[in-house]
Amino acid sequence: MERHPIYGYLQVSFVGWRYVDPREELKKVFEAAVQEAPERVEWTFRSVRNWMIVPSRLVREAGPDGTNFNDAMGAIRESDQEFCAATAEDLERIFRALSESPVAEAD
């Protein structure tokens, strides 16, 4: 959700999901998209239990094990609305790159 449903402020954009049966070849597609598509901020693709496309700043501020993820997200949201807008724009570019990927087109 790009904007808070009640207060209307921009939020940090990211996406996370879990595959029942993950395909290893998809990792390369996601890694390429987060490296090539964004124009405004640095992004990270993580594939542990959950797979995520997330701004690298959020990963850094959440800590190595991610325990401060929600706190970091809130702090960024409250202090840097320009960054939040940039993440929304970049995530759209990442989604576009993924939809145009040969692997995505094959599915």
PDB file of N, CA and C in Angstrom:
ATOM      1  N   MET A   1       0.848  -1.167   0.000  1.00  0.00           N
ATOM      2  CA  MET A   1       0.000   0.000   0.000  1.00  0.00           C
ATOM      3  C   MET A   1       0.898   1.236   0.000  1.00  0.00           C
ATOM      4  N   GLU A   2       0.735   2.047  -0.979  1.00  0.00           N
ATOM      5  CA  GLU A   2       1.602   3.204  -1.159  1.00  0.00           C
ATOM      6  C   GLU A   2       1.322   4.318  -0.139  1.00  0.00           C
ATOM      7  N   ARG A   3       0.056   4.512   0.203  1.00  0.00           N
ATOM      8  CA  ARG A   3      -0.320   5.561   1.166  1.00  0.00           C
ATOM      9  C   ARG A   3      -1.040   4.937   2.355  1.00  0.00           C
ATOM     10  N   HIS A   4      -0.839   5.550   3.495  1.00  0.00           N
ATOM     11  CA  HIS A   4      -1.541   5.095   4.690  1.00  0.00           C
ATOM     12  C   HIS A   4      -3.033   5.303   4.472  1.00  0.00           C
ATOM     13  N   PRO A   5      -3.865   4.294   4.740  1.00  0.00           N
ATOM     14  CA  PRO A   5      -5.290   4.389   4.418  1.00  0.00           C
ATOM     15  C   PRO A   5      -6.044   5.442   5.228  1.00  0.00           C
ATOM     16  N   ILE A   6      -5.564   5.814   6.380  1.00  0.00           N
ATOM     17  CA  ILE A   6      -6.266   6.807   7.208  1.00  0.00           C
ATOM     18  C   ILE A   6      -5.612   8.178   7.107  1.00  0.00           C
ATOM     19  N   TYR A   7      -4.294   8.231   7.277  1.00  0.00           N
ATOM     20  CA  TYR A   7      -3.597   9.508   7.361  1.00  0.00           C
ATOM     21  C   TYR A   7      -3.110  10.036   6.020  1.00  0.00           C
ATOM     22  N   GLY A   8      -3.005   9.182   5.026  1.00  0.00           N
ATOM     23  CA  GLY A   8      -2.666   9.606   3.681  1.00  0.00           C
ATOM     24  C   GLY A   8      -1.197   9.826   3.392  1.00  0.00           C
ATOM     25  N   TYR A   9      -0.321   9.670   4.370  1.00  0.00           N
ATOM     26  CA  TYR A   9       1.096   9.872   4.091  1.00  0.00           C
ATOM     27  C   TYR A   9       1.645   8.691   3.295  1.00  0.00           C
ATOM     28  N   LEU A  10       2.718   8.970   2.550  1.00  0.00           N
ATOM     29  CA  LEU A  10       3.375   7.927   1.763  1.00  0.00           C
ATOM     30  C   LEU A  10       4.082   6.957   2.692  1.00  0.00           C
ATOM     31  N   GLN A  11       4.128   5.711   2.272  1.00  0.00           N
ATOM     32  CA  GLN A  11       4.820   4.681   3.026  1.00  0.00           C
ATOM     33  C   GLN A  11       5.992   4.151   2.200  1.00  0.00           C
ATOM     34  N   VAL A  12       6.920   3.480   2.849  1.00  0.00           N
ATOM     35  CA  VAL A  12       8.034   2.857   2.137  1.00  0.00           C
ATOM     36  C   VAL A  12       7.468   1.698   1.318  1.00  0.00           C
ATOM     37  N   SER A  13       7.751   1.696   0.033  1.00  0.00           N
ATOM     38  CA  SER A  13       7.262   0.630  -0.844  1.00  0.00           C
ATOM     39  C   SER A  13       8.231  -0.545  -0.835  1.00  0.00           C
ATOM     40  N   PHE A  14       7.676  -1.740  -0.766  1.00  0.00           N
ATOM     41  CA  PHE A  14       8.446  -2.982  -0.878  1.00  0.00           C
ATOM     42  C   PHE A  14       7.443  -4.087  -1.153  1.00  0.00           C
ATOM     43  N   VAL A  15       7.950  -5.260  -1.496  1.00  0.00           N
ATOM     44  CA  VAL A  15       7.072  -6.400  -1.722  1.00  0.00           C
ATOM     45  C   VAL A  15       7.744  -7.655  -1.162  1.00  0.00           C
ATOM     46  N   GLY A  16       6.939  -8.508  -0.559  1.00  0.00           N
ATOM     47  CA  GLY A  16       7.434  -9.763  -0.027  1.00  0.00           C
ATOM     48  C   GLY A  16       6.426 -10.871  -0.308  1.00  0.00           C
ATOM     49  N   TRP A  17       6.912 -12.086  -0.485  1.00  0.00           N
ATOM     50  CA  TRP A  17       6.050 -13.226  -0.772  1.00  0.00           C
ATOM     51  C   TRP A  17       6.774 -14.509  -0.401  1.00  0.00           C
ATOM     52  N   ARG A  18       6.048 -15.593  -0.418  1.00  0.00           N
ATOM     53  CA  ARG A  18       6.630 -16.908  -0.156  1.00  0.00           C
ATOM     54  C   ARG A  18       6.120 -17.873  -1.217  1.00  0.00           C
ATOM     55  N   TYR A  19       7.060 -18.582  -1.822  1.00  0.00           N
ATOM     56  CA  TYR A  19       6.715 -19.606  -2.796  1.00  0.00           C
ATOM     57  C   TYR A  19       6.497 -20.945  -2.097  1.00  0.00           C
ATOM     58  N   VAL A  20       5.532 -21.689  -2.565  1.00  0.00           N
ATOM     59  CA  VAL A  20       5.360 -23.061  -2.100  1.00  0.00           C
ATOM     60  C   VAL A  20       6.486 -23.913  -2.679  1.00  0.00           C
ATOM     61  N   ASP A  21       6.778 -23.692  -3.951  1.00  0.00           N
ATOM     62  CA  ASP A  21       7.819 -24.441  -4.650  1.00  0.00           C
ATOM     63  C   ASP A  21       8.687 -23.454  -5.427  1.00  0.00           C
ATOM     64  N   PRO A  22       9.675 -22.813  -4.768  1.00  0.00           N
ATOM     65  CA  PRO A  22      10.476 -21.787  -5.446  1.00  0.00           C
ATOM     66  C   PRO A  22      11.342 -22.360  -6.556  1.00  0.00           C
ATOM     67  N   ARG A  23      11.438 -21.612  -7.639  1.00  0.00           N
ATOM     68  CA  ARG A  23      12.300 -21.992  -8.765  1.00  0.00           C
ATOM     69  C   ARG A  23      13.567 -21.155  -8.699  1.00  0.00           C
ATOM     70  N   GLU A  24      14.689 -21.812  -8.633  1.00  0.00           N
ATOM     71  CA  GLU A  24      15.974 -21.138  -8.481  1.00  0.00           C
ATOM     72  C   GLU A  24      16.260 -20.148  -9.615  1.00  0.00           C
ATOM     73  N   GLU A  25      15.834 -20.462 -10.828  1.00  0.00           N
ATOM     74  CA  GLU A  25      16.129 -19.566 -11.949  1.00  0.00           C
ATOM     75  C   GLU A  25      15.453 -18.206 -11.796  1.00  0.00           C
ATOM     76  N   LEU A  26      14.394 -18.141 -10.986  1.00  0.00           N
ATOM     77  CA  LEU A  26      13.728 -16.858 -10.765  1.00  0.00           C
ATOM     78  C   LEU A  26      14.589 -15.896  -9.947  1.00  0.00           C
ATOM     79  N   LYS A  27      15.461 -16.416  -9.106  1.00  0.00           N
ATOM     80  CA  LYS A  27      16.317 -15.547  -8.302  1.00  0.00           C
ATOM     81  C   LYS A  27      17.130 -14.607  -9.187  1.00  0.00           C
ATOM     82  N   LYS A  28      17.665 -15.135 -10.281  1.00  0.00           N
ATOM     83  CA  LYS A  28      18.474 -14.311 -11.185  1.00  0.00           C
ATOM     84  C   LYS A  28      17.632 -13.213 -11.830  1.00  0.00           C
ATOM     85  N   VAL A  29      16.388 -13.532 -12.132  1.00  0.00           N
ATOM     86  CA  VAL A  29      15.485 -12.548 -12.733  1.00  0.00           C
ATOM     87  C   VAL A  29      15.211 -11.421 -11.739  1.00  0.00           C
ATOM     88  N   PHE A  30      14.913 -11.767 -10.491  1.00  0.00           N
ATOM     89  CA  PHE A  30      14.643 -10.750  -9.471  1.00  0.00           C
ATOM     90  C   PHE A  30      15.887  -9.932  -9.169  1.00  0.00           C
ATOM     91  N   GLU A  31      17.033 -10.588  -9.067  1.00  0.00           N
ATOM     92  CA  GLU A  31      18.284  -9.878  -8.800  1.00  0.00           C
ATOM     93  C   GLU A  31      18.590  -8.880  -9.910  1.00  0.00           C
ATOM     94  N   ALA A  32      18.411  -9.284 -11.150  1.00  0.00           N
ATOM     95  CA  ALA A  32      18.658  -8.383 -12.277  1.00  0.00           C
ATOM     96  C   ALA A  32      17.702  -7.192 -12.255  1.00  0.00           C
ATOM     97  N   ALA A  33      16.445  -7.450 -11.957  1.00  0.00           N
ATOM     98  CA  ALA A  33      15.453  -6.371 -11.944  1.00  0.00           C
ATOM     99  C   ALA A  33      15.775  -5.323 -10.879  1.00  0.00           C
ATOM    100  N   VAL A  34      16.187  -5.752  -9.679  1.00  0.00           N
ATOM    101  CA  VAL A  34      16.470  -4.768  -8.623  1.00  0.00           C
ATOM    102  C   VAL A  34      17.785  -4.026  -8.886  1.00  0.00           C
ATOM    103  N   GLN A  35      18.667  -4.587  -9.709  1.00  0.00           N
ATOM    104  CA  GLN A  35      19.908  -3.906 -10.045  1.00  0.00           C
ATOM    105  C   GLN A  35      19.734  -2.938 -11.212  1.00  0.00           C
ATOM    106  N   GLU A  36      18.889  -3.298 -12.179  1.00  0.00           N
ATOM    107  CA  GLU A  36      18.816  -2.545 -13.425  1.00  0.00           C
ATOM    108  C   GLU A  36      17.654  -1.564 -13.518  1.00  0.00           C
ATOM    109  N   ALA A  37      16.519  -1.863 -12.930  1.00  0.00           N
ATOM    110  CA  ALA A  37      15.323  -1.054 -13.145  1.00  0.00           C
ATOM    111  C   ALA A  37      15.234   0.227 -12.307  1.00  0.00           C
ATOM    112  N   PRO A  38      15.622   0.209 -11.036  1.00  0.00           N
ATOM    113  CA  PRO A  38      15.434   1.412 -10.216  1.00  0.00           C
ATOM    114  C   PRO A  38      16.290   2.588 -10.689  1.00  0.00           C
ATOM    115  N   GLU A  39      15.769   3.778 -10.468  1.00  0.00           N
ATOM    116  CA  GLU A  39      16.496   4.990 -10.843  1.00  0.00           C
ATOM    117  C   GLU A  39      16.782   5.899  -9.662  1.00  0.00           C
ATOM    118  N   ARG A  40      16.069   5.721  -8.540  1.00  0.00           N
ATOM    119  CA  ARG A  40      16.179   6.708  -7.465  1.00  0.00           C
ATOM    120  C   ARG A  40      16.825   6.190  -6.193  1.00  0.00           C
ATOM    121  N   VAL A  41      16.614   4.923  -5.841  1.00  0.00           N
ATOM    122  CA  VAL A  41      17.197   4.380  -4.613  1.00  0.00           C
ATOM    123  C   VAL A  41      17.801   3.007  -4.893  1.00  0.00           C
ATOM    124  N   GLU A  42      18.640   2.558  -3.978  1.00  0.00           N
ATOM    125  CA  GLU A  42      19.249   1.228  -4.093  1.00  0.00           C
ATOM    126  C   GLU A  42      18.282   0.185  -3.522  1.00  0.00           C
ATOM    127  N   TRP A  43      18.190  -0.970  -4.191  1.00  0.00           N
ATOM    128  CA  TRP A  43      17.270  -2.035  -3.800  1.00  0.00           C
ATOM    129  C   TRP A  43      18.019  -3.331  -3.535  1.00  0.00           C
ATOM    130  N   THR A  44      17.376  -4.193  -2.759  1.00  0.00           N
ATOM    131  CA  THR A  44      17.925  -5.501  -2.426  1.00  0.00           C
ATOM    132  C   THR A  44      16.863  -6.564  -2.699  1.00  0.00           C
ATOM    133  N   PHE A  45      17.313  -7.690  -3.242  1.00  0.00           N
ATOM    134  CA  PHE A  45      16.446  -8.869  -3.353  1.00  0.00           C
ATOM    135  C   PHE A  45      16.958  -9.881  -2.351  1.00  0.00           C
ATOM    136  N   ARG A  46      16.067 -10.388  -1.508  1.00  0.00           N
ATOM    137  CA  ARG A  46      16.434 -11.395  -0.505  1.00  0.00           C
ATOM    138  C   ARG A  46      15.573 -12.628  -0.735  1.00  0.00           C
ATOM    139  N   SER A  47      16.203 -13.789  -0.587  1.00  0.00           N
ATOM    140  CA  SER A  47      15.464 -15.038  -0.787  1.00  0.00           C
ATOM    141  C   SER A  47      15.823 -16.023   0.315  1.00  0.00           C
ATOM    142  N   VAL A  48      15.241 -15.812   1.460  1.00  0.00           N
ATOM    143  CA  VAL A  48      15.427 -16.736   2.568  1.00  0.00           C
ATOM    144  C   VAL A  48      14.099 -17.481   2.697  1.00  0.00           C
ATOM    145  N   ARG A  49      13.467 -17.430   3.817  1.00  0.00           N
ATOM    146  CA  ARG A  49      12.144 -18.048   3.969  1.00  0.00           C
ATOM    147  C   ARG A  49      11.113 -17.294   3.126  1.00  0.00           C
ATOM    148  N   ASN A  50      11.092 -15.982   3.300  1.00  0.00           N
ATOM    149  CA  ASN A  50      10.279 -15.114   2.451  1.00  0.00           C
ATOM    150  C   ASN A  50      11.196 -14.470   1.424  1.00  0.00           C
ATOM    151  N   TRP A  51      10.684 -14.246   0.242  1.00  0.00           N
ATOM    152  CA  TRP A  51      11.421 -13.524  -0.770  1.00  0.00           C
ATOM    153  C   TRP A  51      10.953 -12.083  -0.714  1.00  0.00           C
ATOM    154  N   MET A  52      11.891 -11.150  -0.854  1.00  0.00           N
ATOM    155  CA  MET A  52      11.546  -9.735  -0.751  1.00  0.00           C
ATOM    156  C   MET A  52      12.313  -8.904  -1.763  1.00  0.00           C
ATOM    157  N   ILE A  53      11.652  -7.884  -2.260  1.00  0.00           N
ATOM    158  CA  ILE A  53      12.278  -6.807  -3.005  1.00  0.00           C
ATOM    159  C   ILE A  53      12.058  -5.585  -2.122  1.00  0.00           C
ATOM    160  N   VAL A  54      13.160  -5.051  -1.603  1.00  0.00           N
ATOM    161  CA  VAL A  54      13.064  -4.051  -0.545  1.00  0.00           C
ATOM    162  C   VAL A  54      14.173  -3.006  -0.709  1.00  0.00           C
ATOM    163  N   PRO A  55      13.882  -1.746  -0.382  1.00  0.00           N
ATOM    164  CA  PRO A  55      14.947  -0.742  -0.434  1.00  0.00           C
ATOM    165  C   PRO A  55      16.095  -1.126   0.504  1.00  0.00           C
ATOM    166  N   SER A  56      17.312  -1.013   0.018  1.00  0.00           N
ATOM    167  CA  SER A  56      18.486  -1.387   0.814  1.00  0.00           C
ATOM    168  C   SER A  56      18.574  -0.583   2.101  1.00  0.00           C
ATOM    169  N   ARG A  57      18.159   0.659   2.064  1.00  0.00           N
ATOM    170  CA  ARG A  57      18.163   1.490   3.271  1.00  0.00           C
ATOM    171  C   ARG A  57      17.307   0.866   4.366  1.00  0.00           C
ATOM    172  N   LEU A  58      16.153   0.358   4.009  1.00  0.00           N
ATOM    173  CA  LEU A  58      15.270  -0.272   4.988  1.00  0.00           C
ATOM    174  C   LEU A  58      15.927  -1.513   5.581  1.00  0.00           C
ATOM    175  N   VAL A  59      16.616  -2.280   4.760  1.00  0.00           N
ATOM    176  CA  VAL A  59      17.328  -3.470   5.247  1.00  0.00           C
ATOM    177  C   VAL A  59      18.407  -3.053   6.243  1.00  0.00           C
ATOM    178  N   ARG A  60      19.184  -2.031   5.882  1.00  0.00           N
ATOM    179  CA  ARG A  60      20.253  -1.562   6.777  1.00  0.00           C
ATOM    180  C   ARG A  60      19.699  -1.076   8.105  1.00  0.00           C
ATOM    181  N   GLU A  61      18.646  -0.271   8.054  1.00  0.00           N
ATOM    182  CA  GLU A  61      18.099   0.323   9.270  1.00  0.00           C
ATOM    183  C   GLU A  61      17.324  -0.687  10.115  1.00  0.00           C
ATOM    184  N   ALA A  62      16.861  -1.772   9.500  1.00  0.00           N
ATOM    185  CA  ALA A  62      16.138  -2.813  10.244  1.00  0.00           C
ATOM    186  C   ALA A  62      17.089  -3.711  11.022  1.00  0.00           C
ATOM    187  N   GLY A  63      18.358  -3.682  10.675  1.00  0.00           N
ATOM    188  CA  GLY A  63      19.340  -4.512  11.366  1.00  0.00           C
ATOM    189  C   GLY A  63      19.580  -5.816  10.647  1.00  0.00           C
ATOM    190  N   PRO A  64      20.667  -6.492  10.997  1.00  0.00           N
ATOM    191  CA  PRO A  64      21.082  -7.695  10.266  1.00  0.00           C
ATOM    192  C   PRO A  64      20.060  -8.829  10.287  1.00  0.00           C
ATOM    193  N   ASP A  65      19.291  -8.935  11.335  1.00  0.00           N
ATOM    194  CA  ASP A  65      18.295 -10.007  11.397  1.00  0.00           C
ATOM    195  C   ASP A  65      16.875  -9.507  11.120  1.00  0.00           C
ATOM    196  N   GLY A  66      16.723  -8.225  10.827  1.00  0.00           N
ATOM    197  CA  GLY A  66      15.422  -7.668  10.467  1.00  0.00           C
ATOM    198  C   GLY A  66      14.468  -7.454  11.619  1.00  0.00           C
ATOM    199  N   THR A  67      14.937  -7.578  12.852  1.00  0.00           N
ATOM    200  CA  THR A  67      14.027  -7.457  13.996  1.00  0.00           C
ATOM    201  C   THR A  67      13.440  -6.057  14.140  1.00  0.00           C
ATOM    202  N   ASN A  68      14.101  -5.056  13.585  1.00  0.00           N
ATOM    203  CA  ASN A  68      13.599  -3.677  13.694  1.00  0.00           C
ATOM    204  C   ASN A  68      12.907  -3.215  12.409  1.00  0.00           C
ATOM    205  N   PHE A  69      12.422  -4.156  11.607  1.00  0.00           N
ATOM    206  CA  PHE A  69      11.857  -3.828  10.299  1.00  0.00           C
ATOM    207  C   PHE A  69      10.710  -2.818  10.418  1.00  0.00           C
ATOM    208  N   ASN A  70       9.723  -3.103  11.247  1.00  0.00           N
ATOM    209  CA  ASN A  70       8.570  -2.202  11.367  1.00  0.00           C
ATOM    210  C   ASN A  70       8.967  -0.849  11.946  1.00  0.00           C
ATOM    211  N   ASP A  71       9.857  -0.843  12.938  1.00  0.00           N
ATOM    212  CA  ASP A  71      10.322   0.419  13.510  1.00  0.00           C
ATOM    213  C   ASP A  71      11.090   1.238  12.479  1.00  0.00           C
ATOM    214  N   ALA A  72      11.949   0.581  11.717  1.00  0.00           N
ATOM    215  CA  ALA A  72      12.721   1.273  10.688  1.00  0.00           C
ATOM    216  C   ALA A  72      11.793   1.838   9.615  1.00  0.00           C
ATOM    217  N   MET A  73      10.806   1.055   9.222  1.00  0.00           N
ATOM    218  CA  MET A  73       9.853   1.511   8.223  1.00  0.00           C
ATOM    219  C   MET A  73       9.109   2.753   8.723  1.00  0.00           C
ATOM    220  N   GLY A  74       8.687   2.725   9.986  1.00  0.00           N
ATOM    221  CA  GLY A  74       7.987   3.875  10.559  1.00  0.00           C
ATOM    222  C   GLY A  74       8.865   5.102  10.663  1.00  0.00           C
ATOM    223  N   ALA A  75      10.118   4.915  11.061  1.00  0.00           N
ATOM    224  CA  ALA A  75      11.043   6.041  11.189  1.00  0.00           C
ATOM    225  C   ALA A  75      11.309   6.693   9.836  1.00  0.00           C
ATOM    226  N   ILE A  76      11.506   5.877   8.819  1.00  0.00           N
ATOM    227  CA  ILE A  76      11.726   6.418   7.472  1.00  0.00           C
ATOM    228  C   ILE A  76      10.471   7.145   6.995  1.00  0.00           C
ATOM    229  N   ARG A  77       9.329   6.535   7.183  1.00  0.00           N
ATOM    230  CA  ARG A  77       8.064   7.136   6.749  1.00  0.00           C
ATOM    231  C   ARG A  77       7.866   8.512   7.388  1.00  0.00           C
ATOM    232  N   GLU A  78       8.163   8.609   8.672  1.00  0.00           N
ATOM    233  CA  GLU A  78       7.930   9.864   9.387  1.00  0.00           C
ATOM    234  C   GLU A  78       8.968  10.935   9.072  1.00  0.00           C
ATOM    235  N   SER A  79      10.173  10.527   8.690  1.00  0.00           N
ATOM    236  CA  SER A  79      11.240  11.513   8.512  1.00  0.00           C
ATOM    237  C   SER A  79      11.589  11.805   7.056  1.00  0.00           C
ATOM    238  N   ASP A  80      11.142  10.959   6.114  1.00  0.00           N
ATOM    239  CA  ASP A  80      11.625  11.104   4.746  1.00  0.00           C
ATOM    240  C   ASP A  80      10.561  10.712   3.718  1.00  0.00           C
ATOM    241  N   GLN A  81       9.587  11.585   3.539  1.00  0.00           N
ATOM    242  CA  GLN A  81       8.528  11.328   2.566  1.00  0.00           C
ATOM    243  C   GLN A  81       9.057  11.320   1.135  1.00  0.00           C
ATOM    244  N   GLU A  82      10.113  12.053   0.874  1.00  0.00           N
ATOM    245  CA  GLU A  82      10.712  12.040  -0.472  1.00  0.00           C
ATOM    246  C   GLU A  82      11.266  10.651  -0.799  1.00  0.00           C
ATOM    247  N   PHE A  83      11.905  10.022   0.176  1.00  0.00           N
ATOM    248  CA  PHE A  83      12.404   8.664  -0.015  1.00  0.00           C
ATOM    249  C   PHE A  83      11.238   7.711  -0.286  1.00  0.00           C
ATOM    250  N   CYS A  84      10.156   7.859   0.453  1.00  0.00           N
ATOM    251  CA  CYS A  84       8.977   6.999   0.258  1.00  0.00           C
ATOM    252  C   CYS A  84       8.430   7.149  -1.159  1.00  0.00           C
ATOM    253  N   ALA A  85       8.369   8.378  -1.662  1.00  0.00           N
ATOM    254  CA  ALA A  85       7.903   8.612  -3.034  1.00  0.00           C
ATOM    255  C   ALA A  85       8.843   7.950  -4.040  1.00  0.00           C
ATOM    256  N   ALA A  86      10.141   8.044  -3.771  1.00  0.00           N
ATOM    257  CA  ALA A  86      11.130   7.437  -4.669  1.00  0.00           C
ATOM    258  C   ALA A  86      10.983   5.919  -4.704  1.00  0.00           C
ATOM    259  N   THR A  87      10.685   5.303  -3.548  1.00  0.00           N
ATOM    260  CA  THR A  87      10.526   3.847  -3.530  1.00  0.00           C
ATOM    261  C   THR A  87       9.304   3.424  -4.347  1.00  0.00           C
ATOM    262  N   ALA A  88       8.238   4.213  -4.292  1.00  0.00           N
ATOM    263  CA  ALA A  88       7.036   3.878  -5.065  1.00  0.00           C
ATOM    264  C   ALA A  88       7.323   3.929  -6.562  1.00  0.00           C
ATOM    265  N   GLU A  89       8.051   4.964  -6.994  1.00  0.00           N
ATOM    266  CA  GLU A  89       8.392   5.090  -8.417  1.00  0.00           C
ATOM    267  C   GLU A  89       9.291   3.939  -8.870  1.00  0.00           C
ATOM    268  N   ASP A  90      10.301   3.658  -8.067  1.00  0.00           N
ATOM    269  CA  ASP A  90      11.227   2.587  -8.428  1.00  0.00           C
ATOM    270  C   ASP A  90      10.558   1.218  -8.430  1.00  0.00           C
ATOM    271  N   LEU A  91       9.695   0.962  -7.479  1.00  0.00           N
ATOM    272  CA  LEU A  91       9.042  -0.347  -7.439  1.00  0.00           C
ATOM    273  C   LEU A  91       8.185  -0.559  -8.686  1.00  0.00           C
ATOM    274  N   GLU A  92       7.563   0.497  -9.177  1.00  0.00           N
ATOM    275  CA  GLU A  92       6.812   0.384 -10.442  1.00  0.00           C
ATOM    276  C   GLU A  92       7.753  -0.009 -11.584  1.00  0.00           C
ATOM    277  N   ARG A  93       8.931   0.578 -11.622  1.00  0.00           N
ATOM    278  CA  ARG A  93       9.912   0.230 -12.654  1.00  0.00           C
ATOM    279  C   ARG A  93      10.355  -1.229 -12.526  1.00  0.00           C
ATOM    280  N   ILE A  94      10.544  -1.670 -11.277  1.00  0.00           N
ATOM    281  CA  ILE A  94      10.939  -3.059 -11.045  1.00  0.00           C
ATOM    282  C   ILE A  94       9.844  -4.005 -11.519  1.00  0.00           C
ATOM    283  N   PHE A  95       8.594  -3.702 -11.189  1.00  0.00           N
ATOM    284  CA  PHE A  95       7.472  -4.541 -11.635  1.00  0.00           C
ATOM    285  C   PHE A  95       7.405  -4.591 -13.163  1.00  0.00           C
ATOM    286  N   ARG A  96       7.614  -3.452 -13.803  1.00  0.00           N
ATOM    287  CA  ARG A  96       7.595  -3.414 -15.267  1.00  0.00           C
ATOM    288  C   ARG A  96       8.699  -4.297 -15.837  1.00  0.00           C
ATOM    289  N   ALA A  97       9.899  -4.192 -15.267  1.00  0.00           N
ATOM    290  CA  ALA A  97      11.024  -5.012 -15.743  1.00  0.00           C
ATOM    291  C   ALA A  97      10.728  -6.496 -15.559  1.00  0.00           C
ATOM    292  N   LEU A  98      10.127  -6.840 -14.429  1.00  0.00           N
ATOM    293  CA  LEU A  98       9.788  -8.249 -14.188  1.00  0.00           C
ATOM    294  C   LEU A  98       8.738  -8.742 -15.173  1.00  0.00           C
ATOM    295  N   SER A  99       7.750  -7.915 -15.473  1.00  0.00           N
ATOM    296  CA  SER A  99       6.701  -8.346 -16.398  1.00  0.00           C
ATOM    297  C   SER A  99       7.222  -8.513 -17.817  1.00  0.00           C
ATOM    298  N   GLU A 100       8.321  -7.814 -18.136  1.00  0.00           N
ATOM    299  CA  GLU A 100       8.906  -7.901 -19.473  1.00  0.00           C
ATOM    300  C   GLU A 100      10.009  -8.948 -19.566  1.00  0.00           C
ATOM    301  N   SER A 101      10.312  -9.593 -18.465  1.00  0.00           N
ATOM    302  CA  SER A 101      11.367 -10.597 -18.437  1.00  0.00           C
ATOM    303  C   SER A 101      10.964 -11.818 -19.248  1.00  0.00           C
ATOM    304  N   PRO A 102      11.910 -12.439 -19.964  1.00  0.00           N
ATOM    305  CA  PRO A 102      11.603 -13.654 -20.730  1.00  0.00           C
ATOM    306  C   PRO A 102      11.056 -14.782 -19.861  1.00  0.00           C
ATOM    307  N   VAL A 103      11.514 -14.883 -18.614  1.00  0.00           N
ATOM    308  CA  VAL A 103      11.004 -15.930 -17.720  1.00  0.00           C
ATOM    309  C   VAL A 103       9.551 -15.654 -17.384  1.00  0.00           C
ATOM    310  N   ALA A 104       9.200 -14.394 -17.117  1.00  0.00           N
ATOM    311  CA  ALA A 104       7.818 -14.035 -16.799  1.00  0.00           C
ATOM    312  C   ALA A 104       6.917 -14.300 -17.994  1.00  0.00           C
ATOM    313  N   GLU A 105       7.405 -13.986 -19.185  1.00  0.00           N
ATOM    314  CA  GLU A 105       6.613 -14.194 -20.385  1.00  0.00           C
ATOM    315  C   GLU A 105       6.399 -15.674 -20.665  1.00  0.00           C
ATOM    316  N   ALA A 106       7.305 -16.533 -20.226  1.00  0.00           N
ATOM    317  CA  ALA A 106       7.189 -17.967 -20.458  1.00  0.00           C
ATOM    318  C   ALA A 106       6.164 -18.621 -19.534  1.00  0.00           C
ATOM    319  N   ASP A 107       5.883 -17.995 -18.389  1.00  0.00           N
ATOM    320  CA  ASP A 107       4.945 -18.587 -17.411  1.00  0.00           C
ATOM    321  C   ASP A 107       3.519 -18.363 -17.758  1.00  0.00           C
TER     322      ASP A 107
END
